[in-house]
Structure formats: structure tokens, C-alpha cells
C-alpha atoms as a PDB file:
ATOM      1  CA  MET A   1     196.842  23.185  65.220  1.00  0.00           C
ATOM      2  CA  LYS A   2     199.742  25.589  65.592  1.00  0.00           C
ATOM      3  CA  LEU A   3     201.369  27.551  68.401  1.00  0.00           C
ATOM      4  CA  ILE A   4     201.446  31.347  68.006  1.00  0.00           C
ATOM      5  CA  GLN A   5     202.300  34.365  70.132  1.00  0.00           C
ATOM      6  CA  THR A   6     199.223  35.764  71.890  1.00  0.00           C
ATOM      7  CA  VAL A   7     200.004  39.307  70.738  1.00  0.00           C
ATOM      8  CA  GLU A   8     199.593  38.040  67.135  1.00  0.00           C
ATOM      9  CA  ALA A   9     196.388  36.065  67.780  1.00  0.00           C
ATOM     10  CA  GLU A  10     193.724  38.494  66.552  1.00  0.00           C
ATOM     11  CA  GLY A  11     191.353  36.574  64.259  1.00  0.00           C
ATOM     12  CA  ALA A  12     192.717  33.160  65.292  1.00  0.00           C
ATOM     13  CA  VAL A  13     190.437  30.344  66.519  1.00  0.00           C
ATOM     14  CA  LEU A  14     191.314  28.800  69.901  1.00  0.00           C
ATOM     15  CA  CYS A  15     191.909  25.048  69.957  1.00  0.00           C
ATOM     16  CA  HIS A  16     191.163  24.682  73.677  1.00  0.00           C
ATOM     17  CA  ASP A  17     189.466  26.401  76.594  1.00  0.00           C
ATOM     18  CA  ILE A  18     191.430  29.100  78.409  1.00  0.00           C
ATOM     19  CA  THR A  19     190.826  28.770  82.141  1.00  0.00           C
ATOM     20  CA  GLN A  20     191.262  31.480  84.737  1.00  0.00           C
ATOM     21  CA  ILE A  21     191.950  30.361  88.300  1.00  0.00           C
ATOM     22  CA  ILE A  22     191.649  32.789  91.198  1.00  0.00           C
ATOM     23  CA  LYS A  23     192.087  30.733  94.371  1.00  0.00           C
ATOM     24  CA  GLY A  24     188.920  30.728  96.461  1.00  0.00           C
ATOM     25  CA  VAL A  25     187.072  32.874  93.903  1.00  0.00           C
ATOM     26  CA  THR A  26     186.776  31.252  90.498  1.00  0.00           C
ATOM     27  CA  LYS A  27     187.977  28.487  88.256  1.00  0.00           C
ATOM     28  CA  ASP A  28     186.247  28.812  84.905  1.00  0.00           C
ATOM     29  CA  ALA A  29     186.932  29.264  81.220  1.00  0.00           C
ATOM     30  CA  VAL A  30     187.366  32.882  80.208  1.00  0.00           C
ATOM     31  CA  PHE A  31     187.358  31.737  76.571  1.00  0.00           C
ATOM     32  CA  ARG A  32     186.025  28.482  75.126  1.00  0.00           C
ATOM     33  CA  LYS A  33     187.498  26.299  72.425  1.00  0.00           C
ATOM     34  CA  GLY A  34     186.423  27.694  69.068  1.00  0.00           C
ATOM     35  CA  HIS A  35     186.420  31.327  70.230  1.00  0.00           C
ATOM     36  CA  VAL A  36     187.729  33.778  67.618  1.00  0.00           C
ATOM     37  CA  VAL A  37     190.274  36.034  69.340  1.00  0.00           C
ATOM     38  CA  THR A  38     189.584  39.775  69.104  1.00  0.00           C
ATOM     39  CA  LYS A  39     191.956  42.669  69.728  1.00  0.00           C
ATOM     40  CA  GLU A  40     190.170  43.267  73.049  1.00  0.00           C
ATOM     41  CA  ASP A  41     190.778  39.641  74.120  1.00  0.00           C
ATOM     42  CA  ILE A  42     194.568  39.871  73.921  1.00  0.00           C
ATOM     43  CA  PRO A  43     195.118  41.779  77.219  1.00  0.00           C
ATOM     44  CA  VAL A  44     192.781  39.316  78.990  1.00  0.00           C
ATOM     45  CA  LEU A  45     194.713  36.346  77.612  1.00  0.00           C
ATOM     46  CA  LEU A  46     198.009  37.881  78.678  1.00  0.00           C
ATOM     47  CA  SER A  47     196.618  38.605  82.163  1.00  0.00           C
ATOM     48  CA  VAL A  48     195.880  34.886  82.686  1.00  0.00           C
ATOM     49  CA  GLY A  49     199.445  34.008  81.706  1.00  0.00           C
ATOM     50  CA  LYS A  50     198.886  32.990  78.108  1.00  0.00           C
ATOM     51  CA  ASP A  51     201.885  34.311  76.162  1.00  0.00           C
ATOM     52  CA  GLN A  52     201.335  31.658  73.484  1.00  0.00           C
ATOM     53  CA  LEU A  53     198.194  29.969  72.207  1.00  0.00           C
ATOM     54  CA  TYR A  54     197.339  26.859  70.256  1.00  0.00           C
ATOM     55  CA  VAL A  55     195.087  27.949  67.414  1.00  0.00           C
ATOM     56  CA  TRP A  56     193.304  26.192  64.620  1.00  0.00           C
ATOM     57  CA  GLU A  57     195.246  26.077  61.377  1.00  0.00           C
ATOM     58  CA  LYS A  58     192.902  26.162  58.401  1.00  0.00           C
ATOM     59  CA  GLU A  59     193.734  23.618  55.749  1.00  0.00           C
ATOM     60  CA  GLU A  60     192.045  23.019  52.418  1.00  0.00           C
ATOM     61  CA  GLY A  61     189.230  20.508  52.814  1.00  0.00           C
ATOM     62  CA  MET A  62     189.071  20.948  56.601  1.00  0.00           C
ATOM     63  CA  LEU A  63     186.208  22.573  58.516  1.00  0.00           C
ATOM     64  CA  HIS A  64     186.114  24.013  61.984  1.00  0.00           C
ATOM     65  CA  GLU A  65     184.064  21.660  64.162  1.00  0.00           C
ATOM     66  CA  ASN A  66     181.353  24.276  64.755  1.00  0.00           C
ATOM     67  CA  ASP A  67     181.008  24.826  60.995  1.00  0.00           C
ATOM     68  CA  ALA A  68     180.607  21.066  60.536  1.00  0.00           C
ATOM     69  CA  ALA A  69     177.952  21.047  63.290  1.00  0.00           C
ATOM     70  CA  GLU A  70     176.049  23.787  61.426  1.00  0.00           C
ATOM     71  CA  ILE A  71     176.038  21.676  58.248  1.00  0.00           C
ATOM     72  CA  LEU A  72     174.779  18.595  60.094  1.00  0.00           C
ATOM     73  CA  CYS A  73     172.145  20.655  61.902  1.00  0.00           C
ATOM     74  CA  ALA A  74     170.828  22.007  58.593  1.00  0.00           C
ATOM     75  CA  MET A  75     170.593  18.432  57.290  1.00  0.00           C
ATOM     76  CA  CYS A  76     168.812  17.061  60.369  1.00  0.00           C
ATOM     77  CA  LYS A  77     166.625  19.785  61.874  1.00  0.00           C
ATOM     78  CA  GLY A  78     162.901  19.352  61.359  1.00  0.00           C
ATOM     79  CA  GLY A  79     160.121  21.917  61.588  1.00  0.00           C
ATOM     80  CA  ASN A  80     159.227  21.141  65.193  1.00  0.00           C
ATOM     81  CA  MET A  81     162.760  21.216  66.533  1.00  0.00           C
ATOM     82  CA  GLU A  82     164.721  23.914  68.320  1.00  0.00           C
ATOM     83  CA  ARG A  83     168.481  24.152  68.200  1.00  0.00           C
ATOM     84  CA  SER A  84     171.144  25.300  70.588  1.00  0.00           C
ATOM     85  CA  GLN A  85     174.116  27.441  69.655  1.00  0.00           C
ATOM     86  CA  ALA A  86     177.098  25.596  68.210  1.00  0.00           C
ATOM     87  CA  LYS A  87     179.559  24.783  70.992  1.00  0.00           C
ATOM     88  CA  GLU A  88     182.499  22.397  70.983  1.00  0.00           C
ATOM     89  CA  GLY A  89     181.411  20.969  67.649  1.00  0.00           C
ATOM     90  CA  LYS A  90     177.873  20.180  68.787  1.00  0.00           C
ATOM     91  CA  ILE A  91     174.381  21.554  68.293  1.00  0.00           C
ATOM     92  CA  GLU A  92     171.606  20.062  70.397  1.00  0.00           C
ATOM     93  CA  LEU A  93     168.231  19.570  68.764  1.00  0.00           C
ATOM     94  CA  THR A  94     165.227  19.394  71.077  1.00  0.00           C
ATOM     95  CA  ALA A  95     161.500  19.030  70.527  1.00  0.00           C
ATOM     96  CA  ALA A  96     159.579  22.293  70.180  1.00  0.00           C
ATOM     97  CA  CYS A  97     156.292  20.513  70.969  1.00  0.00           C
ATOM     98  CA  ASP A  98     154.909  17.197  72.193  1.00  0.00           C
ATOM     99  CA  GLY A  99     154.720  14.471  69.588  1.00  0.00           C
ATOM    100  CA  LEU A 100     156.339  11.453  68.017  1.00  0.00           C
ATOM    101  CA  LEU A 101     159.761  11.587  66.382  1.00  0.00           C
ATOM    102  CA  LYS A 102     159.853   9.790  63.061  1.00  0.00           C
ATOM    103  CA  VAL A 103     163.250   9.127  61.522  1.00  0.00           C
ATOM    104  CA  ASP A 104     163.635   9.132  57.747  1.00  0.00           C
ATOM    105  CA  ASN A 105     165.766   6.018  57.265  1.00  0.00           C
ATOM    106  CA  GLN A 106     167.199   7.166  53.906  1.00  0.00           C
ATOM    107  CA  GLY A 107     167.927  10.614  55.336  1.00  0.00           C
ATOM    108  CA  LEU A 108     169.725   9.072  58.315  1.00  0.00           C
ATOM    109  CA  LYS A 109     171.866   6.987  55.975  1.00  0.00           C
ATOM    110  CA  ALA A 110     172.645  10.093  53.897  1.00  0.00           C
ATOM    111  CA  VAL A 111     173.813  11.944  57.014  1.00  0.00           C
ATOM    112  CA  ASN A 112     175.977   9.002  58.073  1.00  0.00           C
ATOM    113  CA  ARG A 113     177.523   8.815  54.574  1.00  0.00           C
ATOM    114  CA  PHE A 114     178.120  12.578  54.364  1.00  0.00           C
ATOM    115  CA  GLY A 115     181.711  13.396  53.459  1.00  0.00           C
ATOM    116  CA  ARG A 116     182.724   9.885  52.414  1.00  0.00           C
END
């Protein structure tokens, strides 16, 4: 993680949510952790008082958490499962139909050993 000037943030990946607070109106994230900053985002970030941002610093051998979630999802998702969008390093898998979930014990161990 590194601190950069917001005006230089195009293409950077946010390390935390950016919250906008308007008293009596809203208190919500205008951008979520993992968002890739676009040129159009910069004026919005400045308008909520963010002159500097903590962004993800890519290092060899390191993955963004959403990229890691995509890899795990590909390893785990079965034919009768639906997935959510990657968010905060997670993808939720849910049943696409009624039935019984069977877990492949060797596959589970392979997932748990992944990256060791």
C-alpha cells in the first residue's frame, strides 16, 4: 500500500472505501475498496476531501484480493452454482437449484493447499 496524490491516481486500485457524508442526507461509500480510479473519478474524490489516497502497490508474486477470489472461484464452482461479483476479496457461491452438496475431499484439500 502506498500514499499518492489524488490527481495522479488514474489507474490506481483503492485500498479502502471512500465514504461521502452529507449530514442528514447520506453516509455511504462513493467508491469501494478495490475500485480502479478513472479520470472521471478524480473530481469526485477531490470533492469529498480526498487530496491523497492509499492505493494498492503491485509487487511480484502478489495478487489483488479480487483476482485471488476469481482464482478460488474457478477452482470451487460447480455446474449447479451461481456466483456473485468479486467484492472485497470475496465471491459468494450459491445453489442454482435444489439438491445435495457433495464435497470432493481431495479437491477441498487442494484448494486449502493452494499457494503453499
